[in-house]
């Protein structure tokens, strides 16, 4: 399959800046150190977020519905990426 650029879906976020003590507790938990943006909204980092504007799945990772449409649009059968019996 040739390389091509696929437009991304934007999902701006608003994050609350925690008080110094809260930031220290979050850092001490070790959670932020394997994250690109230094927090994961699914766990403790979700306490730092006031609101998500747009698709929650864009913030967490891949938006499943968009991925599904992109793969089907390129002729990739569901069985190829979901596995047998999962369609």
PDB file of N, CA and C in Angstrom:
ATOM      1  N   UNK A   1       0.851  -1.170   0.000  1.00  0.00           N
ATOM      2  CA  UNK A   1       0.000   0.000   0.000  1.00  0.00           C
ATOM      3  C   UNK A   1       0.906   1.246   0.000  1.00  0.00           C
ATOM      4  N   UNK A   2       0.689   2.187  -0.893  1.00  0.00           N
ATOM      5  CA  UNK A   2       1.538   3.375  -0.945  1.00  0.00           C
ATOM      6  C   UNK A   2       1.348   4.252   0.288  1.00  0.00           C
ATOM      7  N   UNK A   3       2.413   4.953   0.648  1.00  0.00           N
ATOM      8  CA  UNK A   3       2.326   5.888   1.779  1.00  0.00           C
ATOM      9  C   UNK A   3       1.489   7.088   1.380  1.00  0.00           C
ATOM     10  N   UNK A   4       0.678   7.556   2.288  1.00  0.00           N
ATOM     11  CA  UNK A   4      -0.133   8.744   2.043  1.00  0.00           C
ATOM     12  C   UNK A   4      -0.486   9.382   3.376  1.00  0.00           C
ATOM     13  N   UNK A   5      -0.806  10.639   3.329  1.00  0.00           N
ATOM     14  CA  UNK A   5      -1.241  11.335   4.528  1.00  0.00           C
ATOM     15  C   UNK A   5      -2.744  11.210   4.667  1.00  0.00           C
ATOM     16  N   UNK A   6      -3.201  10.938   5.865  1.00  0.00           N
ATOM     17  CA  UNK A   6      -4.621  10.827   6.148  1.00  0.00           C
ATOM     18  C   UNK A   6      -4.963  11.933   7.139  1.00  0.00           C
ATOM     19  N   UNK A   7      -5.955  12.761   6.827  1.00  0.00           N
ATOM     20  CA  UNK A   7      -6.301  13.849   7.750  1.00  0.00           C
ATOM     21  C   UNK A   7      -6.670  13.309   9.127  1.00  0.00           C
ATOM     22  N   UNK A   8      -6.210  13.970  10.142  1.00  0.00           N
ATOM     23  CA  UNK A   8      -6.501  13.566  11.520  1.00  0.00           C
ATOM     24  C   UNK A   8      -7.737  14.285  12.022  1.00  0.00           C
ATOM     25  N   UNK A   9      -8.350  13.717  13.019  1.00  0.00           N
ATOM     26  CA  UNK A   9      -9.468  14.368  13.688  1.00  0.00           C
ATOM     27  C   UNK A   9      -8.916  15.116  14.889  1.00  0.00           C
ATOM     28  N   UNK A  10      -9.186  16.391  14.958  1.00  0.00           N
ATOM     29  CA  UNK A  10      -8.682  17.192  16.068  1.00  0.00           C
ATOM     30  C   UNK A  10      -9.607  17.080  17.266  1.00  0.00           C
ATOM     31  N   UNK A  11      -9.054  17.026  18.444  1.00  0.00           N
ATOM     32  CA  UNK A  11      -9.822  17.029  19.683  1.00  0.00           C
ATOM     33  C   UNK A  11      -9.100  17.878  20.712  1.00  0.00           C
ATOM     34  N   UNK A  12      -9.350  19.175  20.702  1.00  0.00           N
ATOM     35  CA  UNK A  12      -8.720  20.017  21.717  1.00  0.00           C
ATOM     36  C   UNK A  12      -9.132  19.573  23.112  1.00  0.00           C
ATOM     37  N   UNK A  13      -8.249  19.761  24.062  1.00  0.00           N
ATOM     38  CA  UNK A  13      -8.536  19.418  25.441  1.00  0.00           C
ATOM     39  C   UNK A  13      -8.335  20.652  26.305  1.00  0.00           C
ATOM     40  N   UNK A  14      -9.031  20.687  27.389  1.00  0.00           N
ATOM     41  CA  UNK A  14      -8.767  21.704  28.405  1.00  0.00           C
ATOM     42  C   UNK A  14      -8.327  20.965  29.646  1.00  0.00           C
ATOM     43  N   UNK A  15      -7.183  21.318  30.165  1.00  0.00           N
ATOM     44  CA  UNK A  15      -6.688  20.680  31.369  1.00  0.00           C
ATOM     45  C   UNK A  15      -6.588  21.696  32.487  1.00  0.00           C
ATOM     46  N   UNK A  16      -6.952  21.263  33.660  1.00  0.00           N
ATOM     47  CA  UNK A  16      -6.808  22.112  34.838  1.00  0.00           C
ATOM     48  C   UNK A  16      -5.403  21.918  35.375  1.00  0.00           C
ATOM     49  N   UNK A  17      -4.761  22.977  35.743  1.00  0.00           N
ATOM     50  CA  UNK A  17      -3.440  22.856  36.349  1.00  0.00           C
ATOM     51  C   UNK A  17      -3.617  22.515  37.826  1.00  0.00           C
ATOM     52  N   UNK A  18      -3.059  21.382  38.257  1.00  0.00           N
ATOM     53  CA  UNK A  18      -3.251  20.986  39.652  1.00  0.00           C
ATOM     54  C   UNK A  18      -2.403  21.846  40.585  1.00  0.00           C
ATOM     55  N   UNK A  19      -2.825  21.910  41.824  1.00  0.00           N
ATOM     56  CA  UNK A  19      -2.011  22.560  42.842  1.00  0.00           C
ATOM     57  C   UNK A  19      -0.707  21.785  42.961  1.00  0.00           C
ATOM     58  N   UNK A  20       0.322  22.430  43.462  1.00  0.00           N
ATOM     59  CA  UNK A  20       1.649  21.805  43.555  1.00  0.00           C
ATOM     60  C   UNK A  20       1.592  20.459  44.269  1.00  0.00           C
ATOM     61  N   UNK A  21       0.838  20.369  45.344  1.00  0.00           N
ATOM     62  CA  UNK A  21       0.758  19.111  46.092  1.00  0.00           C
ATOM     63  C   UNK A  21       0.103  18.018  45.247  1.00  0.00           C
ATOM     64  N   UNK A  22      -0.941  18.385  44.505  1.00  0.00           N
ATOM     65  CA  UNK A  22      -1.609  17.406  43.638  1.00  0.00           C
ATOM     66  C   UNK A  22      -0.703  16.952  42.511  1.00  0.00           C
ATOM     67  N   UNK A  23       0.046  17.877  41.949  1.00  0.00           N
ATOM     68  CA  UNK A  23       0.991  17.531  40.880  1.00  0.00           C
ATOM     69  C   UNK A  23       2.068  16.597  41.408  1.00  0.00           C
ATOM     70  N   UNK A  24       2.546  16.846  42.604  1.00  0.00           N
ATOM     71  CA  UNK A  24       3.580  15.986  43.213  1.00  0.00           C
ATOM     72  C   UNK A  24       3.032  14.590  43.449  1.00  0.00           C
ATOM     73  N   UNK A  25       1.819  14.493  43.985  1.00  0.00           N
ATOM     74  CA  UNK A  25       1.219  13.171  44.216  1.00  0.00           C
ATOM     75  C   UNK A  25       1.075  12.417  42.899  1.00  0.00           C
ATOM     76  N   UNK A  26       0.643  13.126  41.861  1.00  0.00           N
ATOM     77  CA  UNK A  26       0.481  12.479  40.553  1.00  0.00           C
ATOM     78  C   UNK A  26       1.840  12.012  40.029  1.00  0.00           C
ATOM     79  N   UNK A  27       2.852  12.836  40.122  1.00  0.00           N
ATOM     80  CA  UNK A  27       4.195  12.442  39.673  1.00  0.00           C
ATOM     81  C   UNK A  27       4.720  11.277  40.502  1.00  0.00           C
ATOM     82  N   UNK A  28       4.513  11.311  41.800  1.00  0.00           N
ATOM     83  CA  UNK A  28       4.986  10.236  42.675  1.00  0.00           C
ATOM     84  C   UNK A  28       4.299   8.907  42.379  1.00  0.00           C
ATOM     85  N   UNK A  29       3.106   8.952  41.784  1.00  0.00           N
ATOM     86  CA  UNK A  29       2.389   7.711  41.451  1.00  0.00           C
ATOM     87  C   UNK A  29       3.085   6.951  40.329  1.00  0.00           C
ATOM     88  N   UNK A  30       3.943   7.643  39.566  1.00  0.00           N
ATOM     89  CA  UNK A  30       4.632   7.003  38.446  1.00  0.00           C
ATOM     90  C   UNK A  30       3.818   6.951  37.168  1.00  0.00           C
ATOM     91  N   UNK A  31       2.540   7.258  37.270  1.00  0.00           N
ATOM     92  CA  UNK A  31       1.656   7.146  36.107  1.00  0.00           C
ATOM     93  C   UNK A  31       2.063   8.002  34.911  1.00  0.00           C
ATOM     94  N   UNK A  32       2.539   9.236  35.094  1.00  0.00           N
ATOM     95  CA  UNK A  32       2.770  10.082  33.919  1.00  0.00           C
ATOM     96  C   UNK A  32       4.004   9.727  33.095  1.00  0.00           C
ATOM     97  N   UNK A  33       4.847   8.833  33.561  1.00  0.00           N
ATOM     98  CA  UNK A  33       6.145   8.652  32.913  1.00  0.00           C
ATOM     99  C   UNK A  33       6.141   7.760  31.681  1.00  0.00           C
ATOM    100  N   UNK A  34       5.023   7.145  31.357  1.00  0.00           N
ATOM    101  CA  UNK A  34       4.955   6.383  30.109  1.00  0.00           C
ATOM    102  C   UNK A  34       3.941   6.994  29.147  1.00  0.00           C
ATOM    103  N   UNK A  35       3.651   8.271  29.335  1.00  0.00           N
ATOM    104  CA  UNK A  35       2.661   8.963  28.518  1.00  0.00           C
ATOM    105  C   UNK A  35       3.325  10.046  27.671  1.00  0.00           C
ATOM    106  N   UNK A  36       2.870  10.188  26.445  1.00  0.00           N
ATOM    107  CA  UNK A  36       3.395  11.237  25.573  1.00  0.00           C
ATOM    108  C   UNK A  36       3.050  12.609  26.134  1.00  0.00           C
ATOM    109  N   UNK A  37       1.838  12.806  26.570  1.00  0.00           N
ATOM    110  CA  UNK A  37       1.419  14.096  27.092  1.00  0.00           C
ATOM    111  C   UNK A  37       1.522  14.200  28.601  1.00  0.00           C
ATOM    112  N   UNK A  38       2.149  13.218  29.243  1.00  0.00           N
ATOM    113  CA  UNK A  38       2.404  13.187  30.686  1.00  0.00           C
ATOM    114  C   UNK A  38       1.180  12.869  31.541  1.00  0.00           C
ATOM    115  N   UNK A  39       0.051  12.549  30.935  1.00  0.00           N
ATOM    116  CA  UNK A  39      -1.073  12.053  31.729  1.00  0.00           C
ATOM    117  C   UNK A  39      -1.951  11.171  30.868  1.00  0.00           C
ATOM    118  N   UNK A  40      -2.625  10.227  31.507  1.00  0.00           N
ATOM    119  CA  UNK A  40      -3.599   9.368  30.840  1.00  0.00           C
ATOM    120  C   UNK A  40      -4.965   9.704  31.403  1.00  0.00           C
ATOM    121  N   UNK A  41      -5.878  10.062  30.567  1.00  0.00           N
ATOM    122  CA  UNK A  41      -7.199  10.510  31.014  1.00  0.00           C
ATOM    123  C   UNK A  41      -8.009   9.368  31.646  1.00  0.00           C
ATOM    124  N   UNK A  42      -7.623   8.128  31.375  1.00  0.00           N
ATOM    125  CA  UNK A  42      -8.405   6.998  31.877  1.00  0.00           C
ATOM    126  C   UNK A  42      -8.184   6.735  33.367  1.00  0.00           C
ATOM    127  N   UNK A  43      -7.106   7.223  33.943  1.00  0.00           N
ATOM    128  CA  UNK A  43      -6.811   6.925  35.345  1.00  0.00           C
ATOM    129  C   UNK A  43      -6.691   8.221  36.140  1.00  0.00           C
ATOM    130  N   UNK A  44      -5.677   8.309  36.980  1.00  0.00           N
ATOM    131  CA  UNK A  44      -5.508   9.503  37.830  1.00  0.00           C
ATOM    132  C   UNK A  44      -5.430  10.792  37.015  1.00  0.00           C
ATOM    133  N   UNK A  45      -4.840  10.724  35.847  1.00  0.00           N
ATOM    134  CA  UNK A  45      -4.708  11.919  35.013  1.00  0.00           C
ATOM    135  C   UNK A  45      -6.034  12.525  34.625  1.00  0.00           C
ATOM    136  N   UNK A  46      -7.091  11.738  34.644  1.00  0.00           N
ATOM    137  CA  UNK A  46      -8.415  12.260  34.350  1.00  0.00           C
ATOM    138  C   UNK A  46      -8.854  13.321  35.339  1.00  0.00           C
ATOM    139  N   UNK A  47      -8.266  13.305  36.516  1.00  0.00           N
ATOM    140  CA  UNK A  47      -8.592  14.322  37.521  1.00  0.00           C
ATOM    141  C   UNK A  47      -8.038  15.688  37.135  1.00  0.00           C
ATOM    142  N   UNK A  48      -7.115  15.720  36.180  1.00  0.00           N
ATOM    143  CA  UNK A  48      -6.517  16.972  35.731  1.00  0.00           C
ATOM    144  C   UNK A  48      -7.301  17.617  34.591  1.00  0.00           C
ATOM    145  N   UNK A  49      -8.300  16.935  34.062  1.00  0.00           N
ATOM    146  CA  UNK A  49      -9.016  17.392  32.873  1.00  0.00           C
ATOM    147  C   UNK A  49     -10.381  17.959  33.243  1.00  0.00           C
ATOM    148  N   UNK A  50     -10.603  19.213  32.844  1.00  0.00           N
ATOM    149  CA  UNK A  50     -11.909  19.833  33.062  1.00  0.00           C
ATOM    150  C   UNK A  50     -12.943  19.329  32.067  1.00  0.00           C
ATOM    151  N   UNK A  51     -12.534  19.206  30.788  1.00  0.00           N
ATOM    152  CA  UNK A  51     -13.477  18.830  29.741  1.00  0.00           C
ATOM    153  C   UNK A  51     -12.722  18.317  28.523  1.00  0.00           C
ATOM    154  N   UNK A  52     -13.390  17.505  27.743  1.00  0.00           N
ATOM    155  CA  UNK A  52     -12.886  17.043  26.450  1.00  0.00           C
ATOM    156  C   UNK A  52     -13.799  17.634  25.396  1.00  0.00           C
ATOM    157  N   UNK A  53     -13.214  18.305  24.438  1.00  0.00           N
ATOM    158  CA  UNK A  53     -13.984  18.888  23.341  1.00  0.00           C
ATOM    159  C   UNK A  53     -13.739  18.036  22.110  1.00  0.00           C
ATOM    160  N   UNK A  54     -14.764  17.402  21.606  1.00  0.00           N
ATOM    161  CA  UNK A  54     -14.594  16.521  20.461  1.00  0.00           C
ATOM    162  C   UNK A  54     -14.669  15.069  20.900  1.00  0.00           C
ATOM    163  N   UNK A  55     -13.991  14.220  20.183  1.00  0.00           N
ATOM    164  CA  UNK A  55     -14.076  12.769  20.373  1.00  0.00           C
ATOM    165  C   UNK A  55     -13.178  12.288  21.513  1.00  0.00           C
ATOM    166  N   UNK A  56     -13.763  11.676  22.514  1.00  0.00           N
ATOM    167  CA  UNK A  56     -13.019  11.118  23.644  1.00  0.00           C
ATOM    168  C   UNK A  56     -11.966  10.132  23.161  1.00  0.00           C
ATOM    169  N   UNK A  57     -12.303   9.317  22.157  1.00  0.00           N
ATOM    170  CA  UNK A  57     -11.370   8.305  21.671  1.00  0.00           C
ATOM    171  C   UNK A  57     -10.146   8.909  20.998  1.00  0.00           C
ATOM    172  N   UNK A  58     -10.246  10.122  20.449  1.00  0.00           N
ATOM    173  CA  UNK A  58      -9.063  10.789  19.904  1.00  0.00           C
ATOM    174  C   UNK A  58      -8.097  11.170  21.019  1.00  0.00           C
ATOM    175  N   UNK A  59      -8.628  11.476  22.183  1.00  0.00           N
ATOM    176  CA  UNK A  59      -7.790  11.825  23.322  1.00  0.00           C
ATOM    177  C   UNK A  59      -7.113  10.576  23.875  1.00  0.00           C
ATOM    178  N   UNK A  60      -7.861   9.496  23.993  1.00  0.00           N
ATOM    179  CA  UNK A  60      -7.353   8.255  24.568  1.00  0.00           C
ATOM    180  C   UNK A  60      -6.463   7.498  23.589  1.00  0.00           C
ATOM    181  N   UNK A  61      -6.793   7.486  22.331  1.00  0.00           N
ATOM    182  CA  UNK A  61      -6.048   6.716  21.343  1.00  0.00           C
ATOM    183  C   UNK A  61      -6.721   6.818  19.992  1.00  0.00           C
ATOM    184  N   UNK A  62      -6.853   5.707  19.339  1.00  0.00           N
ATOM    185  CA  UNK A  62      -7.471   5.687  18.017  1.00  0.00           C
ATOM    186  C   UNK A  62      -8.994   5.764  18.120  1.00  0.00           C
ATOM    187  N   UNK A  63      -9.620   6.596  17.307  1.00  0.00           N
ATOM    188  CA  UNK A  63     -11.086   6.608  17.281  1.00  0.00           C
ATOM    189  C   UNK A  63     -11.584   5.403  16.480  1.00  0.00           C
ATOM    190  N   UNK A  64     -12.216   4.429  17.128  1.00  0.00           N
ATOM    191  CA  UNK A  64     -12.558   3.169  16.462  1.00  0.00           C
ATOM    192  C   UNK A  64     -13.421   3.316  15.208  1.00  0.00           C
ATOM    193  N   UNK A  65     -14.416   4.157  15.256  1.00  0.00           N
ATOM    194  CA  UNK A  65     -15.307   4.287  14.094  1.00  0.00           C
ATOM    195  C   UNK A  65     -14.558   4.861  12.893  1.00  0.00           C
ATOM    196  N   UNK A  66     -13.712   5.865  13.137  1.00  0.00           N
ATOM    197  CA  UNK A  66     -12.925   6.455  12.052  1.00  0.00           C
ATOM    198  C   UNK A  66     -11.923   5.445  11.487  1.00  0.00           C
ATOM    199  N   UNK A  67     -11.262   4.709  12.370  1.00  0.00           N
ATOM    200  CA  UNK A  67     -10.320   3.686  11.929  1.00  0.00           C
ATOM    201  C   UNK A  67     -11.032   2.631  11.082  1.00  0.00           C
ATOM    202  N   UNK A  68     -12.182   2.208  11.529  1.00  0.00           N
ATOM    203  CA  UNK A  68     -12.969   1.218  10.791  1.00  0.00           C
ATOM    204  C   UNK A  68     -13.265   1.705   9.374  1.00  0.00           C
ATOM    205  N   UNK A  69     -13.732   2.950   9.258  1.00  0.00           N
ATOM    206  CA  UNK A  69     -14.038   3.506   7.940  1.00  0.00           C
ATOM    207  C   UNK A  69     -12.808   3.624   7.054  1.00  0.00           C
ATOM    208  N   UNK A  70     -11.682   4.049   7.631  1.00  0.00           N
ATOM    209  CA  UNK A  70     -10.443   4.165   6.851  1.00  0.00           C
ATOM    210  C   UNK A  70      -9.978   2.805   6.336  1.00  0.00           C
ATOM    211  N   UNK A  71     -10.033   1.798   7.190  1.00  0.00           N
ATOM    212  CA  UNK A  71      -9.591   0.458   6.774  1.00  0.00           C
ATOM    213  C   UNK A  71     -10.519  -0.120   5.711  1.00  0.00           C
ATOM    214  N   UNK A  72     -11.826   0.001   5.925  1.00  0.00           N
ATOM    215  CA  UNK A  72     -12.768  -0.518   4.928  1.00  0.00           C
ATOM    216  C   UNK A  72     -12.622   0.227   3.609  1.00  0.00           C
ATOM    217  N   UNK A  73     -12.387   1.531   3.677  1.00  0.00           N
ATOM    218  CA  UNK A  73     -12.208   2.334   2.472  1.00  0.00           C
ATOM    219  C   UNK A  73     -10.974   1.955   1.670  1.00  0.00           C
ATOM    220  N   UNK A  74     -10.038   1.277   2.307  1.00  0.00           N
ATOM    221  CA  UNK A  74      -8.820   0.823   1.633  1.00  0.00           C
ATOM    222  C   UNK A  74      -8.852  -0.668   1.337  1.00  0.00           C
ATOM    223  N   UNK A  75     -10.037  -1.253   1.477  1.00  0.00           N
ATOM    224  CA  UNK A  75     -10.208  -2.651   1.114  1.00  0.00           C
ATOM    225  C   UNK A  75      -9.714  -3.652   2.141  1.00  0.00           C
ATOM    226  N   UNK A  76      -9.499  -3.219   3.371  1.00  0.00           N
ATOM    227  CA  UNK A  76      -9.061  -4.138   4.426  1.00  0.00           C
ATOM    228  C   UNK A  76     -10.309  -4.726   5.075  1.00  0.00           C
ATOM    229  N   UNK A  77     -10.479  -6.040   4.949  1.00  0.00           N
ATOM    230  CA  UNK A  77     -11.651  -6.709   5.503  1.00  0.00           C
ATOM    231  C   UNK A  77     -11.587  -6.697   7.030  1.00  0.00           C
ATOM    232  N   UNK A  78     -12.754  -6.643   7.657  1.00  0.00           N
ATOM    233  CA  UNK A  78     -12.809  -6.629   9.123  1.00  0.00           C
ATOM    234  C   UNK A  78     -12.085  -7.824   9.734  1.00  0.00           C
ATOM    235  N   UNK A  79     -12.172  -8.968   9.107  1.00  0.00           N
ATOM    236  CA  UNK A  79     -11.525 -10.170   9.635  1.00  0.00           C
ATOM    237  C   UNK A  79     -10.000 -10.013   9.712  1.00  0.00           C
ATOM    238  N   UNK A  80      -9.445  -9.181   8.859  1.00  0.00           N
ATOM    239  CA  UNK A  80      -8.004  -8.992   8.832  1.00  0.00           C
ATOM    240  C   UNK A  80      -7.498  -8.213  10.039  1.00  0.00           C
ATOM    241  N   UNK A  81      -8.311  -7.346  10.594  1.00  0.00           N
ATOM    242  CA  UNK A  81      -7.827  -6.560  11.719  1.00  0.00           C
ATOM    243  C   UNK A  81      -8.570  -6.820  13.024  1.00  0.00           C
ATOM    244  N   UNK A  82      -9.759  -7.379  12.949  1.00  0.00           N
ATOM    245  CA  UNK A  82     -10.466  -7.730  14.177  1.00  0.00           C
ATOM    246  C   UNK A  82     -10.183  -9.165  14.590  1.00  0.00           C
ATOM    247  N   UNK A  83      -9.836 -10.001  13.650  1.00  0.00           N
ATOM    248  CA  UNK A  83      -9.618 -11.406  13.924  1.00  0.00           C
ATOM    249  C   UNK A  83     -10.864 -12.210  13.613  1.00  0.00           C
ATOM    250  N   UNK A  84     -10.716 -13.515  13.428  1.00  0.00           N
ATOM    251  CA  UNK A  84     -11.859 -14.360  13.084  1.00  0.00           C
ATOM    252  C   UNK A  84     -12.900 -14.390  14.187  1.00  0.00           C
ATOM    253  N   UNK A  85     -14.154 -14.384  13.788  1.00  0.00           N
ATOM    254  CA  UNK A  85     -15.258 -14.472  14.727  1.00  0.00           C
ATOM    255  C   UNK A  85     -15.549 -13.191  15.479  1.00  0.00           C
ATOM    256  N   UNK A  86     -14.901 -12.080  15.125  1.00  0.00           N
ATOM    257  CA  UNK A  86     -15.124 -10.824  15.856  1.00  0.00           C
ATOM    258  C   UNK A  86     -15.830  -9.781  15.009  1.00  0.00           C
ATOM    259  N   UNK A  87     -16.327 -10.140  13.862  1.00  0.00           N
ATOM    260  CA  UNK A  87     -17.002  -9.157  13.013  1.00  0.00           C
ATOM    261  C   UNK A  87     -18.458  -9.050  13.380  1.00  0.00           C
TER     262      UNK A  87
END
